[in-house]
N, C-alpha and C. Protein backbone atom coordinates (compact mmCIF):
# COMPACT_ATOMS: atom_id res chain seq x y z
N MET A 1 155.58 -6.52 73.74
CA MET A 1 155.23 -5.11 73.94
C MET A 1 154.84 -4.41 72.64
N ASP A 2 153.84 -3.63 72.73
CA ASP A 2 153.43 -2.97 71.57
C ASP A 2 154.17 -1.58 71.52
N ILE A 3 154.78 -1.19 70.41
CA ILE A 3 155.39 0.08 70.16
C ILE A 3 154.66 0.89 69.22
N ILE A 4 154.27 2.17 69.55
CA ILE A 4 153.58 3.07 68.66
C ILE A 4 154.67 4.18 68.39
N GLU A 5 154.89 4.39 67.09
CA GLU A 5 155.76 5.53 66.71
C GLU A 5 154.82 6.72 66.28
N THR A 6 155.00 7.82 66.85
CA THR A 6 154.17 9.00 66.50
C THR A 6 154.64 9.48 65.06
N ALA A 7 153.77 10.30 64.52
CA ALA A 7 154.07 10.82 63.18
C ALA A 7 155.35 11.75 63.29
N ASP A 8 155.50 12.41 64.34
CA ASP A 8 156.75 13.27 64.49
C ASP A 8 157.97 12.45 64.64
N PHE A 9 157.85 11.27 65.34
CA PHE A 9 158.96 10.29 65.41
C PHE A 9 159.37 9.83 64.11
N LYS A 10 158.32 9.34 63.30
CA LYS A 10 158.65 8.82 62.02
C LYS A 10 159.28 9.86 61.00
N LYS A 11 158.82 11.09 61.22
CA LYS A 11 159.38 12.16 60.33
C LYS A 11 160.86 12.36 60.70
N ALA A 12 161.12 12.37 62.04
CA ALA A 12 162.49 12.69 62.47
C ALA A 12 163.37 11.43 62.08
N LEU A 13 162.88 10.16 62.19
CA LEU A 13 163.65 9.04 61.83
C LEU A 13 163.99 9.02 60.33
N ASN A 14 163.07 9.41 59.51
CA ASN A 14 163.41 9.46 58.06
C ASN A 14 164.39 10.46 57.64
N LYS A 15 164.66 11.55 58.51
CA LYS A 15 165.71 12.56 58.29
C LYS A 15 167.06 11.98 58.71
N LEU A 16 167.10 11.03 59.58
CA LEU A 16 168.46 10.54 59.93
C LEU A 16 169.18 9.74 58.89
N PRO A 17 170.63 9.71 58.94
CA PRO A 17 171.32 8.96 58.04
C PRO A 17 170.87 7.52 58.00
N LYS A 18 170.98 6.83 56.91
CA LYS A 18 170.49 5.44 56.77
C LYS A 18 171.15 4.46 57.66
N ASP A 19 172.49 4.68 58.02
CA ASP A 19 173.07 3.74 58.96
C ASP A 19 172.51 3.90 60.37
N ILE A 20 172.19 5.05 60.75
CA ILE A 20 171.54 5.37 62.07
C ILE A 20 170.12 4.67 62.13
N GLN A 21 169.49 4.74 61.00
CA GLN A 21 168.03 4.19 60.89
C GLN A 21 168.22 2.67 61.02
N ARG A 22 169.17 2.04 60.44
CA ARG A 22 169.33 0.57 60.58
C ARG A 22 169.57 0.24 62.07
N LEU A 23 170.53 1.04 62.68
CA LEU A 23 170.82 0.81 64.08
C LEU A 23 169.56 0.97 64.93
N TYR A 24 168.74 1.91 64.65
CA TYR A 24 167.52 2.16 65.39
C TYR A 24 166.69 0.85 65.28
N TYR A 25 166.51 0.19 64.25
CA TYR A 25 165.63 -0.88 64.10
C TYR A 25 166.30 -2.05 64.89
N THR A 26 167.55 -2.16 64.97
CA THR A 26 168.11 -3.19 65.79
C THR A 26 167.76 -2.93 67.22
N GLN A 27 167.87 -1.68 67.65
CA GLN A 27 167.72 -1.29 69.12
C GLN A 27 166.16 -1.43 69.33
N SER A 28 165.33 -1.04 68.41
CA SER A 28 163.92 -1.19 68.76
C SER A 28 163.49 -2.58 68.86
N GLN A 29 164.09 -3.54 68.17
CA GLN A 29 163.82 -4.97 68.30
C GLN A 29 164.14 -5.44 69.78
N ARG A 30 165.30 -4.97 70.09
CA ARG A 30 165.78 -5.21 71.49
C ARG A 30 164.83 -4.77 72.51
N PHE A 31 164.40 -3.58 72.32
CA PHE A 31 163.39 -2.92 73.22
C PHE A 31 162.06 -3.82 73.32
N ALA A 32 161.68 -4.15 72.13
CA ALA A 32 160.29 -4.93 72.14
C ALA A 32 160.59 -6.18 72.80
N GLU A 33 161.68 -6.87 72.70
CA GLU A 33 161.92 -8.18 73.37
C GLU A 33 162.16 -8.04 74.83
N ASN A 34 162.88 -6.96 75.30
CA ASN A 34 163.19 -6.67 76.69
C ASN A 34 163.53 -5.29 76.87
N TRP A 35 162.65 -4.48 77.37
CA TRP A 35 163.02 -3.04 77.40
C TRP A 35 163.98 -2.71 78.48
N LYS A 36 164.36 -3.70 79.35
CA LYS A 36 165.40 -3.52 80.35
C LYS A 36 166.77 -3.99 79.93
N ASP A 37 166.90 -4.32 78.68
CA ASP A 37 168.17 -4.82 78.18
C ASP A 37 169.25 -3.76 78.38
N PRO A 38 170.36 -4.12 78.97
CA PRO A 38 171.45 -3.14 79.32
C PRO A 38 172.03 -2.51 78.10
N ARG A 39 171.92 -3.14 76.99
CA ARG A 39 172.56 -2.54 75.73
C ARG A 39 171.83 -1.33 75.26
N LEU A 40 170.59 -1.10 75.80
CA LEU A 40 169.76 0.13 75.45
C LEU A 40 170.15 1.34 76.21
N HIS A 41 170.81 1.16 77.32
CA HIS A 41 171.18 2.32 78.15
C HIS A 41 170.03 3.25 78.40
N ILE A 42 169.03 2.76 78.95
CA ILE A 42 167.76 3.51 79.15
C ILE A 42 168.06 4.56 80.35
N LYS A 43 167.64 5.81 80.15
CA LYS A 43 167.78 6.91 81.09
C LYS A 43 166.48 7.61 81.26
N LYS A 44 166.19 8.02 82.41
CA LYS A 44 164.98 8.88 82.81
C LYS A 44 165.31 10.25 82.39
N ILE A 45 164.30 10.99 81.76
CA ILE A 45 164.44 12.40 81.39
C ILE A 45 164.04 13.24 82.55
N LYS A 46 164.97 14.08 82.96
CA LYS A 46 164.65 14.84 84.22
C LYS A 46 163.54 15.90 83.96
N ASP A 47 163.44 16.49 82.78
CA ASP A 47 162.53 17.56 82.63
C ASP A 47 161.14 17.15 82.27
N LEU A 48 160.96 15.86 81.92
CA LEU A 48 159.61 15.31 81.58
C LEU A 48 159.31 14.14 82.56
N GLU A 49 158.24 14.22 83.27
CA GLU A 49 157.96 13.31 84.43
C GLU A 49 158.02 11.84 84.03
N LYS A 50 157.40 11.42 82.92
CA LYS A 50 157.35 9.99 82.60
C LYS A 50 158.13 9.60 81.38
N ALA A 51 159.01 10.43 80.86
CA ALA A 51 159.64 10.19 79.69
C ALA A 51 161.11 9.45 79.87
N PHE A 52 161.48 8.71 79.04
CA PHE A 52 162.86 8.05 79.01
C PHE A 52 163.43 8.10 77.60
N SER A 53 164.76 7.80 77.62
CA SER A 53 165.48 7.69 76.35
C SER A 53 166.31 6.37 76.28
N PHE A 54 166.49 5.84 75.12
CA PHE A 54 167.43 4.84 75.00
C PHE A 54 168.50 5.13 73.86
N ARG A 55 169.51 4.60 73.90
CA ARG A 55 170.77 4.85 73.09
C ARG A 55 170.66 4.06 71.74
N ILE A 56 170.75 4.85 70.62
CA ILE A 56 170.91 4.21 69.37
C ILE A 56 172.39 4.06 69.00
N THR A 57 173.08 5.06 69.22
CA THR A 57 174.58 5.17 69.19
C THR A 57 175.03 6.05 70.39
N ARG A 58 176.27 6.32 70.49
CA ARG A 58 176.69 7.29 71.56
C ARG A 58 176.15 8.69 71.28
N ARG A 59 175.84 8.96 70.04
CA ARG A 59 175.35 10.33 69.66
C ARG A 59 173.82 10.47 69.45
N TYR A 60 173.11 9.34 69.18
CA TYR A 60 171.70 9.38 68.87
C TYR A 60 170.85 8.77 69.96
N ARG A 61 169.66 9.38 70.20
CA ARG A 61 168.79 8.91 71.24
C ARG A 61 167.31 8.72 70.72
N ALA A 62 166.60 7.83 71.16
CA ALA A 62 165.17 7.74 70.95
C ALA A 62 164.44 7.92 72.28
N PHE A 63 163.39 8.75 72.20
CA PHE A 63 162.70 9.12 73.47
C PHE A 63 161.30 8.53 73.41
N PHE A 64 160.94 8.05 74.62
CA PHE A 64 159.69 7.31 74.62
C PHE A 64 158.99 7.46 76.12
N TYR A 65 157.83 7.04 76.19
CA TYR A 65 157.08 6.94 77.48
C TYR A 65 156.13 5.78 77.42
N PHE A 66 155.75 5.23 78.55
CA PHE A 66 154.84 4.04 78.69
C PHE A 66 153.46 4.63 78.71
N GLN A 67 152.62 4.20 77.74
CA GLN A 67 151.21 4.59 77.81
C GLN A 67 150.43 3.69 78.84
N ASN A 68 150.82 2.37 78.96
CA ASN A 68 150.39 1.44 79.85
C ASN A 68 151.45 0.33 79.99
N PRO A 69 151.26 -0.73 80.80
CA PRO A 69 152.34 -1.66 80.91
C PRO A 69 152.62 -2.44 79.61
N ASP A 70 151.76 -2.44 78.73
CA ASP A 70 151.91 -3.19 77.44
C ASP A 70 152.19 -2.35 76.17
N THR A 71 152.12 -1.04 76.34
CA THR A 71 152.28 -0.12 75.19
C THR A 71 153.31 0.96 75.44
N THR A 72 154.09 1.16 74.53
CA THR A 72 155.13 2.21 74.66
C THR A 72 154.98 3.26 73.40
N ILE A 73 155.05 4.49 73.65
CA ILE A 73 155.04 5.56 72.69
C ILE A 73 156.38 6.09 72.42
N PHE A 74 156.91 5.98 71.24
CA PHE A 74 158.13 6.52 70.82
C PHE A 74 157.83 7.91 70.23
N PHE A 75 158.23 8.97 70.81
CA PHE A 75 157.83 10.28 70.40
C PHE A 75 158.88 11.19 69.65
N THR A 76 160.13 10.89 69.78
CA THR A 76 161.10 11.62 69.03
C THR A 76 162.44 10.90 69.03
N ILE A 77 163.28 11.18 68.03
CA ILE A 77 164.62 10.57 67.84
C ILE A 77 165.45 11.63 67.21
N ASP A 78 166.74 11.81 67.71
CA ASP A 78 167.53 12.91 67.26
C ASP A 78 168.95 12.73 67.81
N HIS A 79 169.82 13.58 67.31
CA HIS A 79 171.23 13.59 67.79
C HIS A 79 171.00 14.20 69.27
N ARG A 80 171.80 13.59 70.23
CA ARG A 80 171.64 13.98 71.60
C ARG A 80 171.75 15.47 71.95
N LYS A 81 172.75 16.11 71.20
CA LYS A 81 172.87 17.54 71.47
C LYS A 81 171.69 18.36 70.98
N ASP A 82 170.87 17.92 70.08
CA ASP A 82 169.61 18.62 69.74
C ASP A 82 168.49 18.07 70.44
N ALA A 83 168.39 16.88 70.64
CA ALA A 83 167.19 16.19 71.22
C ALA A 83 166.82 16.79 72.52
N TYR A 84 167.80 16.86 73.42
CA TYR A 84 167.53 17.35 74.84
C TYR A 84 167.06 18.81 74.76
N ARG A 85 167.48 19.57 73.78
CA ARG A 85 167.01 20.99 73.66
C ARG A 85 165.59 21.05 73.27
N ASN A 86 165.14 20.13 72.29
CA ASN A 86 163.92 20.17 71.70
C ASN A 86 162.75 19.52 72.42
N ILE A 87 163.05 18.84 73.56
CA ILE A 87 161.94 18.16 74.19
C ILE A 87 161.33 19.03 75.36
């Protein structure tokens, strides 16, 4: 699966603590291998029709949508208390 990270996503990722960034890379590899991996804890976002999130840690989430069956767009990443307010 192809993963495209938007400029906003990359900017938000670079602002996160280094340990969270490392965990994101682990989770994104899992996502690329099998996006249905239960360790990702994927959830549908109620307010956005085709958006989903997956867990980086209990506190951090990455948000994405499927552009087509083979391509995923990661559009934001943040602490969950802030991320749901800002999408």
